[in-house]
PDB file of N, CA and C in Angstrom:
ATOM      1  N   MET A   1     -66.069 -33.247 -10.010  1.00  0.00           N
ATOM      2  CA  MET A   1     -66.031 -31.842 -10.355  1.00  0.00           C
ATOM      3  C   MET A   1     -64.581 -31.485 -10.714  1.00  0.00           C
ATOM      4  N   ASN A   2     -64.401 -30.820 -11.854  1.00  0.00           N
ATOM      5  CA  ASN A   2     -63.046 -30.438 -12.254  1.00  0.00           C
ATOM      6  C   ASN A   2     -62.719 -29.015 -11.781  1.00  0.00           C
ATOM      7  N   HIS A   3     -61.495 -28.589 -12.028  1.00  0.00           N
ATOM      8  CA  HIS A   3     -61.019 -27.273 -11.560  1.00  0.00           C
ATOM      9  C   HIS A   3     -61.889 -26.134 -12.072  1.00  0.00           C
ATOM     10  N   SER A   4     -62.222 -26.159 -13.344  1.00  0.00           N
ATOM     11  CA  SER A   4     -63.026 -25.078 -13.935  1.00  0.00           C
ATOM     12  C   SER A   4     -64.402 -24.979 -13.274  1.00  0.00           C
ATOM     13  N   GLU A   5     -64.986 -26.112 -12.984  1.00  0.00           N
ATOM     14  CA  GLU A   5     -66.306 -26.118 -12.348  1.00  0.00           C
ATOM     15  C   GLU A   5     -66.224 -25.609 -10.907  1.00  0.00           C
ATOM     16  N   ILE A   6     -65.189 -26.023 -10.188  1.00  0.00           N
ATOM     17  CA  ILE A   6     -65.001 -25.557  -8.811  1.00  0.00           C
ATOM     18  C   ILE A   6     -64.771 -24.050  -8.803  1.00  0.00           C
ATOM     19  N   ARG A   7     -63.946 -23.569  -9.742  1.00  0.00           N
ATOM     20  CA  ARG A   7     -63.662 -22.130  -9.829  1.00  0.00           C
ATOM     21  C   ARG A   7     -64.941 -21.352 -10.126  1.00  0.00           C
ATOM     22  N   ALA A   8     -65.692 -21.816 -11.097  1.00  0.00           N
ATOM     23  CA  ALA A   8     -66.937 -21.125 -11.460  1.00  0.00           C
ATOM     24  C   ALA A   8     -67.902 -21.070 -10.278  1.00  0.00           C
ATOM     25  N   GLN A   9     -67.999 -22.174  -9.562  1.00  0.00           N
ATOM     26  CA  GLN A   9     -68.885 -22.215  -8.401  1.00  0.00           C
ATOM     27  C   GLN A   9     -68.400 -21.252  -7.318  1.00  0.00           C
ATOM     28  N   ALA A  10     -67.099 -21.237  -7.061  1.00  0.00           N
ATOM     29  CA  ALA A  10     -66.544 -20.349  -6.029  1.00  0.00           C
ATOM     30  C   ALA A  10     -66.766 -18.888  -6.398  1.00  0.00           C
ATOM     31  N   LEU A  11     -66.624 -18.554  -7.679  1.00  0.00           N
ATOM     32  CA  LEU A  11     -66.749 -17.165  -8.116  1.00  0.00           C
ATOM     33  C   LEU A  11     -68.190 -16.666  -8.145  1.00  0.00           C
ATOM     34  N   GLU A  12     -69.131 -17.560  -7.917  1.00  0.00           N
ATOM     35  CA  GLU A  12     -70.518 -17.126  -7.782  1.00  0.00           C
ATOM     36  C   GLU A  12     -70.722 -16.353  -6.480  1.00  0.00           C
ATOM     37  N   ASN A  13     -69.854 -16.581  -5.506  1.00  0.00           N
ATOM     38  CA  ASN A  13     -69.898 -15.857  -4.235  1.00  0.00           C
ATOM     39  C   ASN A  13     -69.322 -14.465  -4.460  1.00  0.00           C
ATOM     40  N   VAL A  14     -70.080 -13.439  -4.130  1.00  0.00           N
ATOM     41  CA  VAL A  14     -69.688 -12.046  -4.382  1.00  0.00           C
ATOM     42  C   VAL A  14     -68.364 -11.689  -3.703  1.00  0.00           C
ATOM     43  N   ASP A  15     -68.176 -12.108  -2.449  1.00  0.00           N
ATOM     44  CA  ASP A  15     -66.945 -11.790  -1.723  1.00  0.00           C
ATOM     45  C   ASP A  15     -65.735 -12.500  -2.327  1.00  0.00           C
ATOM     46  N   THR A  16     -65.938 -13.758  -2.705  1.00  0.00           N
ATOM     47  CA  THR A  16     -64.849 -14.516  -3.329  1.00  0.00           C
ATOM     48  C   THR A  16     -64.471 -13.885  -4.662  1.00  0.00           C
ATOM     49  N   LYS A  17     -65.459 -13.497  -5.443  1.00  0.00           N
ATOM     50  CA  LYS A  17     -65.193 -12.873  -6.752  1.00  0.00           C
ATOM     51  C   LYS A  17     -64.445 -11.559  -6.577  1.00  0.00           C
ATOM     52  N   ALA A  18     -64.838 -10.767  -5.578  1.00  0.00           N
ATOM     53  CA  ALA A  18     -64.162  -9.488  -5.334  1.00  0.00           C
ATOM     54  C   ALA A  18     -62.701  -9.719  -4.948  1.00  0.00           C
ATOM     55  N   ALA A  19     -62.452 -10.705  -4.097  1.00  0.00           N
ATOM     56  CA  ALA A  19     -61.070 -11.017  -3.691  1.00  0.00           C
ATOM     57  C   ALA A  19     -60.267 -11.511  -4.884  1.00  0.00           C
ATOM     58  N   PHE A  20     -60.871 -12.361  -5.697  1.00  0.00           N
ATOM     59  CA  PHE A  20     -60.204 -12.890  -6.891  1.00  0.00           C
ATOM     60  C   PHE A  20     -59.883 -11.763  -7.868  1.00  0.00           C
ATOM     61  N   ASP A  21     -60.854 -10.902  -8.127  1.00  0.00           N
ATOM     62  CA  ASP A  21     -60.644  -9.781  -9.043  1.00  0.00           C
ATOM     63  C   ASP A  21     -59.567  -8.829  -8.515  1.00  0.00           C
ATOM     64  N   GLY A  22     -59.477  -8.701  -7.199  1.00  0.00           N
ATOM     65  CA  GLY A  22     -58.472  -7.840  -6.597  1.00  0.00           C
ATOM     66  C   GLY A  22     -57.050  -8.356  -6.765  1.00  0.00           C
ATOM     67  N   MET A  23     -56.915  -9.620  -7.112  1.00  0.00           N
ATOM     68  CA  MET A  23     -55.588 -10.209  -7.312  1.00  0.00           C
ATOM     69  C   MET A  23     -55.251 -10.393  -8.792  1.00  0.00           C
ATOM     70  N   LYS A  24     -56.015  -9.778  -9.663  1.00  0.00           N
ATOM     71  CA  LYS A  24     -55.809  -9.957 -11.101  1.00  0.00           C
ATOM     72  C   LYS A  24     -54.387  -9.622 -11.526  1.00  0.00           C
ATOM     73  N   ALA A  25     -53.843  -8.519 -11.046  1.00  0.00           N
ATOM     74  CA  ALA A  25     -52.491  -8.121 -11.444  1.00  0.00           C
ATOM     75  C   ALA A  25     -51.464  -9.178 -11.039  1.00  0.00           C
ATOM     76  N   GLU A  26     -51.600  -9.730  -9.834  1.00  0.00           N
ATOM     77  CA  GLU A  26     -50.676 -10.765  -9.373  1.00  0.00           C
ATOM     78  C   GLU A  26     -50.786 -12.016 -10.227  1.00  0.00           C
ATOM     79  N   PHE A  27     -52.022 -12.435 -10.517  1.00  0.00           N
ATOM     80  CA  PHE A  27     -52.219 -13.633 -11.336  1.00  0.00           C
ATOM     81  C   PHE A  27     -51.665 -13.424 -12.749  1.00  0.00           C
ATOM     82  N   ASP A  28     -51.887 -12.246 -13.313  1.00  0.00           N
ATOM     83  CA  ASP A  28     -51.369 -11.949 -14.651  1.00  0.00           C
ATOM     84  C   ASP A  28     -49.846 -11.988 -14.657  1.00  0.00           C
ATOM     85  N   LEU A  29     -49.222 -11.389 -13.642  1.00  0.00           N
ATOM     86  CA  LEU A  29     -47.765 -11.390 -13.558  1.00  0.00           C
ATOM     87  C   LEU A  29     -47.237 -12.808 -13.395  1.00  0.00           C
ATOM     88  N   LEU A  30     -47.874 -13.596 -12.563  1.00  0.00           N
ATOM     89  CA  LEU A  30     -47.442 -14.978 -12.361  1.00  0.00           C
ATOM     90  C   LEU A  30     -47.510 -15.755 -13.672  1.00  0.00           C
ATOM     91  N   ARG A  31     -48.600 -15.611 -14.418  1.00  0.00           N
ATOM     92  CA  ARG A  31     -48.715 -16.306 -15.711  1.00  0.00           C
ATOM     93  C   ARG A  31     -47.584 -15.890 -16.644  1.00  0.00           C
ATOM     94  N   GLN A  32     -47.263 -14.599 -16.658  1.00  0.00           N
ATOM     95  CA  GLN A  32     -46.178 -14.111 -17.513  1.00  0.00           C
ATOM     96  C   GLN A  32     -44.830 -14.684 -17.078  1.00  0.00           C
ATOM     97  N   MET A  33     -44.593 -14.729 -15.760  1.00  0.00           N
ATOM     98  CA  MET A  33     -43.330 -15.249 -15.249  1.00  0.00           C
ATOM     99  C   MET A  33     -43.158 -16.719 -15.611  1.00  0.00           C
ATOM    100  N   LEU A  34     -44.200 -17.505 -15.379  1.00  0.00           N
ATOM    101  CA  LEU A  34     -44.120 -18.932 -15.684  1.00  0.00           C
ATOM    102  C   LEU A  34     -43.948 -19.168 -17.178  1.00  0.00           C
ATOM    103  N   ALA A  35     -44.656 -18.405 -17.989  1.00  0.00           N
ATOM    104  CA  ALA A  35     -44.533 -18.548 -19.444  1.00  0.00           C
ATOM    105  C   ALA A  35     -43.117 -18.199 -19.912  1.00  0.00           C
ATOM    106  N   ALA A  36     -42.535 -17.135 -19.362  1.00  0.00           N
ATOM    107  CA  ALA A  36     -41.180 -16.737 -19.751  1.00  0.00           C
ATOM    108  C   ALA A  36     -40.166 -17.801 -19.343  1.00  0.00           C
ATOM    109  N   ARG A  37     -40.323 -18.339 -18.138  1.00  0.00           N
ATOM    110  CA  ARG A  37     -39.395 -19.383 -17.678  1.00  0.00           C
ATOM    111  C   ARG A  37     -39.499 -20.614 -18.569  1.00  0.00           C
ATOM    112  N   GLN A  38     -40.717 -21.029 -18.878  1.00  0.00           N
ATOM    113  CA  GLN A  38     -40.927 -22.203 -19.722  1.00  0.00           C
ATOM    114  C   GLN A  38     -40.472 -21.951 -21.156  1.00  0.00           C
ATOM    115  N   ARG A  39     -40.753 -20.766 -21.677  1.00  0.00           N
ATOM    116  CA  ARG A  39     -40.356 -20.402 -23.037  1.00  0.00           C
ATOM    117  C   ARG A  39     -38.837 -20.503 -23.209  1.00  0.00           C
ATOM    118  N   ASN A  40     -38.114 -20.193 -22.141  1.00  0.00           N
ATOM    119  CA  ASN A  40     -36.654 -20.243 -22.191  1.00  0.00           C
ATOM    120  C   ASN A  40     -36.100 -21.582 -21.721  1.00  0.00           C
ATOM    121  N   GLY A  41     -36.990 -22.548 -21.466  1.00  0.00           N
ATOM    122  CA  GLY A  41     -36.566 -23.900 -21.109  1.00  0.00           C
ATOM    123  C   GLY A  41     -35.844 -23.993 -19.778  1.00  0.00           C
ATOM    124  N   LEU A  42     -36.215 -23.116 -18.845  1.00  0.00           N
ATOM    125  CA  LEU A  42     -35.540 -23.080 -17.542  1.00  0.00           C
ATOM    126  C   LEU A  42     -36.407 -23.693 -16.459  1.00  0.00           C
ATOM    127  N   ASN A  43     -35.764 -24.398 -15.538  1.00  0.00           N
ATOM    128  CA  ASN A  43     -36.483 -24.844 -14.348  1.00  0.00           C
ATOM    129  C   ASN A  43     -36.167 -23.871 -13.215  1.00  0.00           C
ATOM    130  N   GLN A  44     -36.812 -24.067 -12.088  1.00  0.00           N
ATOM    131  CA  GLN A  44     -36.627 -23.133 -10.974  1.00  0.00           C
ATOM    132  C   GLN A  44     -35.180 -23.101 -10.491  1.00  0.00           C
ATOM    133  N   ALA A  45     -34.518 -24.237 -10.479  1.00  0.00           N
ATOM    134  CA  ALA A  45     -33.124 -24.282 -10.021  1.00  0.00           C
ATOM    135  C   ALA A  45     -32.222 -23.466 -10.943  1.00  0.00           C
ATOM    136  N   GLU A  46     -32.482 -23.525 -12.231  1.00  0.00           N
ATOM    137  CA  GLU A  46     -31.668 -22.759 -13.187  1.00  0.00           C
ATOM    138  C   GLU A  46     -31.908 -21.261 -13.039  1.00  0.00           C
ATOM    139  N   VAL A  47     -33.154 -20.876 -12.826  1.00  0.00           N
ATOM    140  CA  VAL A  47     -33.457 -19.458 -12.594  1.00  0.00           C
ATOM    141  C   VAL A  47     -32.771 -19.001 -11.310  1.00  0.00           C
ATOM    142  N   ALA A  48     -32.853 -19.822 -10.281  1.00  0.00           N
ATOM    143  CA  ALA A  48     -32.219 -19.486  -9.003  1.00  0.00           C
ATOM    144  C   ALA A  48     -30.718 -19.279  -9.174  1.00  0.00           C
ATOM    145  N   GLN A  49     -30.086 -20.161  -9.919  1.00  0.00           N
ATOM    146  CA  GLN A  49     -28.642 -20.041 -10.137  1.00  0.00           C
ATOM    147  C   GLN A  49     -28.318 -18.720 -10.840  1.00  0.00           C
ATOM    148  N   LYS A  50     -29.093 -18.375 -11.844  1.00  0.00           N
ATOM    149  CA  LYS A  50     -28.859 -17.119 -12.570  1.00  0.00           C
ATOM    150  C   LYS A  50     -29.095 -15.904 -11.680  1.00  0.00           C
ATOM    151  N   MET A  51     -29.983 -16.054 -10.684  1.00  0.00           N
ATOM    152  CA  MET A  51     -30.278 -14.945  -9.772  1.00  0.00           C
ATOM    153  C   MET A  51     -29.350 -14.922  -8.564  1.00  0.00           C
ATOM    154  N   GLY A  52     -28.539 -15.968  -8.417  1.00  0.00           N
ATOM    155  CA  GLY A  52     -27.641 -16.037  -7.267  1.00  0.00           C
ATOM    156  C   GLY A  52     -28.354 -16.418  -5.987  1.00  0.00           C
ATOM    157  N   THR A  53     -29.373 -17.257  -6.104  1.00  0.00           N
ATOM    158  CA  THR A  53     -30.140 -17.692  -4.934  1.00  0.00           C
ATOM    159  C   THR A  53     -30.361 -19.192  -5.026  1.00  0.00           C
ATOM    160  N   HIS A  54     -31.290 -19.713  -4.255  1.00  0.00           N
ATOM    161  CA  HIS A  54     -31.565 -21.147  -4.218  1.00  0.00           C
ATOM    162  C   HIS A  54     -32.954 -21.430  -4.764  1.00  0.00           C
ATOM    163  N   ALA A  55     -33.152 -22.635  -5.280  1.00  0.00           N
ATOM    164  CA  ALA A  55     -34.424 -23.019  -5.900  1.00  0.00           C
ATOM    165  C   ALA A  55     -35.634 -22.792  -4.993  1.00  0.00           C
ATOM    166  N   PRO A  56     -35.560 -23.087  -3.684  1.00  0.00           N
ATOM    167  CA  PRO A  56     -36.743 -22.836  -2.845  1.00  0.00           C
ATOM    168  C   PRO A  56     -37.174 -21.359  -2.842  1.00  0.00           C
ATOM    169  N   SER A  57     -36.224 -20.458  -3.063  1.00  0.00           N
ATOM    170  CA  SER A  57     -36.575 -19.035  -3.136  1.00  0.00           C
ATOM    171  C   SER A  57     -37.430 -18.752  -4.360  1.00  0.00           C
ATOM    172  N   ILE A  58     -37.139 -19.424  -5.455  1.00  0.00           N
ATOM    173  CA  ILE A  58     -37.920 -19.234  -6.679  1.00  0.00           C
ATOM    174  C   ILE A  58     -39.302 -19.853  -6.502  1.00  0.00           C
ATOM    175  N   THR A  59     -39.352 -21.003  -5.832  1.00  0.00           N
ATOM    176  CA  THR A  59     -40.646 -21.628  -5.546  1.00  0.00           C
ATOM    177  C   THR A  59     -41.505 -20.682  -4.716  1.00  0.00           C
ATOM    178  N   ARG A  60     -40.914 -20.083  -3.681  1.00  0.00           N
ATOM    179  CA  ARG A  60     -41.662 -19.129  -2.838  1.00  0.00           C
ATOM    180  C   ARG A  60     -42.091 -17.910  -3.644  1.00  0.00           C
ATOM    181  N   LEU A  61     -41.194 -17.394  -4.484  1.00  0.00           N
ATOM    182  CA  LEU A  61     -41.506 -16.218  -5.297  1.00  0.00           C
ATOM    183  C   LEU A  61     -42.696 -16.500  -6.203  1.00  0.00           C
ATOM    184  N   GLU A  62     -42.626 -17.606  -6.941  1.00  0.00           N
ATOM    185  CA  GLU A  62     -43.703 -17.919  -7.870  1.00  0.00           C
ATOM    186  C   GLU A  62     -45.012 -18.229  -7.138  1.00  0.00           C
ATOM    187  N   SER A  63     -44.932 -18.927  -6.027  1.00  0.00           N
ATOM    188  CA  SER A  63     -46.168 -19.263  -5.313  1.00  0.00           C
ATOM    189  C   SER A  63     -46.736 -18.060  -4.566  1.00  0.00           C
ATOM    190  N   SER A  64     -45.869 -17.122  -4.175  1.00  0.00           N
ATOM    191  CA  SER A  64     -46.356 -15.953  -3.435  1.00  0.00           C
ATOM    192  C   SER A  64     -47.306 -15.112  -4.270  1.00  0.00           C
ATOM    193  N   LEU A  65     -47.083 -15.077  -5.570  1.00  0.00           N
ATOM    194  CA  LEU A  65     -47.969 -14.293  -6.429  1.00  0.00           C
ATOM    195  C   LEU A  65     -49.327 -14.961  -6.587  1.00  0.00           C
ATOM    196  N   GLY A  66     -49.365 -16.262  -6.409  1.00  0.00           N
ATOM    197  CA  GLY A  66     -50.633 -16.974  -6.538  1.00  0.00           C
ATOM    198  C   GLY A  66     -51.436 -17.013  -5.264  1.00  0.00           C
ATOM    199  N   ASN A  67     -50.783 -16.770  -4.126  1.00  0.00           N
ATOM    200  CA  ASN A  67     -51.532 -16.865  -2.876  1.00  0.00           C
ATOM    201  C   ASN A  67     -51.685 -15.515  -2.173  1.00  0.00           C
ATOM    202  N   GLY A  68     -51.029 -14.483  -2.692  1.00  0.00           N
ATOM    203  CA  GLY A  68     -51.204 -13.142  -2.158  1.00  0.00           C
ATOM    204  C   GLY A  68     -50.602 -12.909  -0.787  1.00  0.00           C
ATOM    205  N   ARG A  69     -49.756 -13.826  -0.310  1.00  0.00           N
ATOM    206  CA  ARG A  69     -49.189 -13.675   1.030  1.00  0.00           C
ATOM    207  C   ARG A  69     -47.932 -12.828   1.068  1.00  0.00           C
ATOM    208  N   HIS A  70     -47.331 -12.582  -0.073  1.00  0.00           N
ATOM    209  CA  HIS A  70     -46.076 -11.837  -0.089  1.00  0.00           C
ATOM    210  C   HIS A  70     -46.008 -11.040  -1.384  1.00  0.00           C
ATOM    211  N   SER A  71     -45.526  -9.829  -1.297  1.00  0.00           N
ATOM    212  CA  SER A  71     -45.315  -9.013  -2.485  1.00  0.00           C
ATOM    213  C   SER A  71     -43.817  -8.880  -2.705  1.00  0.00           C
ATOM    214  N   PRO A  72     -43.301  -9.501  -3.753  1.00  0.00           N
ATOM    215  CA  PRO A  72     -41.864  -9.415  -4.006  1.00  0.00           C
ATOM    216  C   PRO A  72     -41.457  -7.986  -4.356  1.00  0.00           C
ATOM    217  N   SER A  73     -40.216  -7.661  -4.070  1.00  0.00           N
ATOM    218  CA  SER A  73     -39.714  -6.325  -4.379  1.00  0.00           C
ATOM    219  C   SER A  73     -39.517  -6.165  -5.883  1.00  0.00           C
ATOM    220  N   ILE A  74     -39.476  -4.932  -6.313  1.00  0.00           N
ATOM    221  CA  ILE A  74     -39.210  -4.655  -7.724  1.00  0.00           C
ATOM    222  C   ILE A  74     -37.837  -5.186  -8.101  1.00  0.00           C
ATOM    223  N   SER A  75     -36.878  -5.059  -7.206  1.00  0.00           N
ATOM    224  CA  SER A  75     -35.529  -5.562  -7.452  1.00  0.00           C
ATOM    225  C   SER A  75     -35.542  -7.071  -7.713  1.00  0.00           C
ATOM    226  N   THR A  76     -36.288  -7.803  -6.898  1.00  0.00           N
ATOM    227  CA  THR A  76     -36.377  -9.256  -7.092  1.00  0.00           C
ATOM    228  C   THR A  76     -37.035  -9.586  -8.419  1.00  0.00           C
ATOM    229  N   LEU A  77     -38.096  -8.873  -8.764  1.00  0.00           N
ATOM    230  CA  LEU A  77     -38.773  -9.112 -10.036  1.00  0.00           C
ATOM    231  C   LEU A  77     -37.855  -8.775 -11.217  1.00  0.00           C
ATOM    232  N   GLN A  78     -37.028  -7.731 -11.079  1.00  0.00           N
ATOM    233  CA  GLN A  78     -36.077  -7.387 -12.131  1.00  0.00           C
ATOM    234  C   GLN A  78     -35.045  -8.499 -12.313  1.00  0.00           C
ATOM    235  N   LYS A  79     -34.554  -9.051 -11.208  1.00  0.00           N
ATOM    236  CA  LYS A  79     -33.589 -10.147 -11.284  1.00  0.00           C
ATOM    237  C   LYS A  79     -34.209 -11.376 -11.938  1.00  0.00           C
ATOM    238  N   TYR A  80     -35.445 -11.669 -11.576  1.00  0.00           N
ATOM    239  CA  TYR A  80     -36.142 -12.807 -12.170  1.00  0.00           C
ATOM    240  C   TYR A  80     -36.293 -12.580 -13.679  1.00  0.00           C
ATOM    241  N   ALA A  81     -36.751 -11.382 -14.036  1.00  0.00           N
ATOM    242  CA  ALA A  81     -36.940 -11.065 -15.455  1.00  0.00           C
ATOM    243  C   ALA A  81     -35.638 -11.251 -16.233  1.00  0.00           C
ATOM    244  N   LYS A  82     -34.557 -10.746 -15.699  1.00  0.00           N
ATOM    245  CA  LYS A  82     -33.256 -10.884 -16.369  1.00  0.00           C
ATOM    246  C   LYS A  82     -32.866 -12.352 -16.497  1.00  0.00           C
ATOM    247  N   ALA A  83     -33.111 -13.129 -15.448  1.00  0.00           N
ATOM    248  CA  ALA A  83     -32.750 -14.546 -15.455  1.00  0.00           C
ATOM    249  C   ALA A  83     -33.507 -15.330 -16.515  1.00  0.00           C
ATOM    250  N   VAL A  84     -34.730 -14.893 -16.837  1.00  0.00           N
ATOM    251  CA  VAL A  84     -35.526 -15.605 -17.849  1.00  0.00           C
ATOM    252  C   VAL A  84     -35.501 -14.888 -19.198  1.00  0.00           C
ATOM    253  N   GLY A  85     -34.540 -13.989 -19.372  1.00  0.00           N
ATOM    254  CA  GLY A  85     -34.350 -13.336 -20.664  1.00  0.00           C
ATOM    255  C   GLY A  85     -35.353 -12.252 -20.975  1.00  0.00           C
ATOM    256  N   CYS A  86     -35.850 -11.582 -19.958  1.00  0.00           N
ATOM    257  CA  CYS A  86     -36.862 -10.539 -20.145  1.00  0.00           C
ATOM    258  C   CYS A  86     -36.433  -9.248 -19.459  1.00  0.00           C
ATOM    259  N   THR A  87     -37.227  -8.221 -19.674  1.00  0.00           N
ATOM    260  CA  THR A  87     -37.080  -6.943 -18.993  1.00  0.00           C
ATOM    261  C   THR A  87     -38.390  -6.660 -18.277  1.00  0.00           C
ATOM    262  N   LEU A  88     -38.296  -6.225 -17.039  1.00  0.00           N
ATOM    263  CA  LEU A  88     -39.490  -5.885 -16.277  1.00  0.00           C
ATOM    264  C   LEU A  88     -39.942  -4.481 -16.655  1.00  0.00           C
ATOM    265  N   GLU A  89     -41.235  -4.342 -16.962  1.00  0.00           N
ATOM    266  CA  GLU A  89     -41.826  -3.035 -17.218  1.00  0.00           C
ATOM    267  C   GLU A  89     -42.979  -2.848 -16.248  1.00  0.00           C
ATOM    268  N   ILE A  90     -43.041  -1.678 -15.646  1.00  0.00           N
ATOM    269  CA  ILE A  90     -44.143  -1.352 -14.745  1.00  0.00           C
ATOM    270  C   ILE A  90     -44.768  -0.064 -15.242  1.00  0.00           C
ATOM    271  N   ASN A  91     -46.064  -0.059 -15.376  1.00  0.00           N
ATOM    272  CA  ASN A  91     -46.759   1.105 -15.922  1.00  0.00           C
ATOM    273  C   ASN A  91     -47.919   1.506 -15.024  1.00  0.00           C
ATOM    274  N   LEU A  92     -48.170   2.796 -14.966  1.00  0.00           N
ATOM    275  CA  LEU A  92     -49.397   3.307 -14.366  1.00  0.00           C
ATOM    276  C   LEU A  92     -50.323   3.662 -15.519  1.00  0.00           C
ATOM    277  N   VAL A  93     -51.537   3.158 -15.447  1.00  0.00           N
ATOM    278  CA  VAL A  93     -52.502   3.396 -16.512  1.00  0.00           C
ATOM    279  C   VAL A  93     -53.670   4.176 -15.934  1.00  0.00           C
ATOM    280  N   GLN A  94     -54.001   5.285 -16.552  1.00  0.00           N
ATOM    281  CA  GLN A  94     -55.106   6.115 -16.087  1.00  0.00           C
ATOM    282  C   GLN A  94     -56.407   5.355 -16.145  1.00  0.00           C
ATOM    283  N   ASN A  95     -57.193   5.446 -15.077  1.00  0.00           N
ATOM    284  CA  ASN A  95     -58.512   4.840 -15.077  1.00  0.00           C
ATOM    285  C   ASN A  95     -59.416   5.590 -16.036  1.00  0.00           C
ATOM    286  N   PRO A  96     -60.319   4.871 -16.691  1.00  0.00           N
ATOM    287  CA  PRO A  96     -61.238   5.546 -17.631  1.00  0.00           C
ATOM    288  C   PRO A  96     -62.233   6.432 -16.918  1.00  0.00           C
TER     289      PRO A  96
END
């Protein structure tokens, strides 16, 4: 069984799907962060150096968005964005 099949099977469970859907914003942000870092040819150690921290901090930051155990501060996300050549934008969007 491959990853896609395991994911599809897990998401058949209503509670699992609700939890997964509840983390959509975190998963979307993580994908954007990883894409920006890769687009700029940076590894975690290089991002850490630009942020004035250590590589394990970047590993924790990136993994925290995928596991939902920690919510990084806006300040940290701004520093990360700057380090990977981006600007952080946060928007409130009215529900339909």
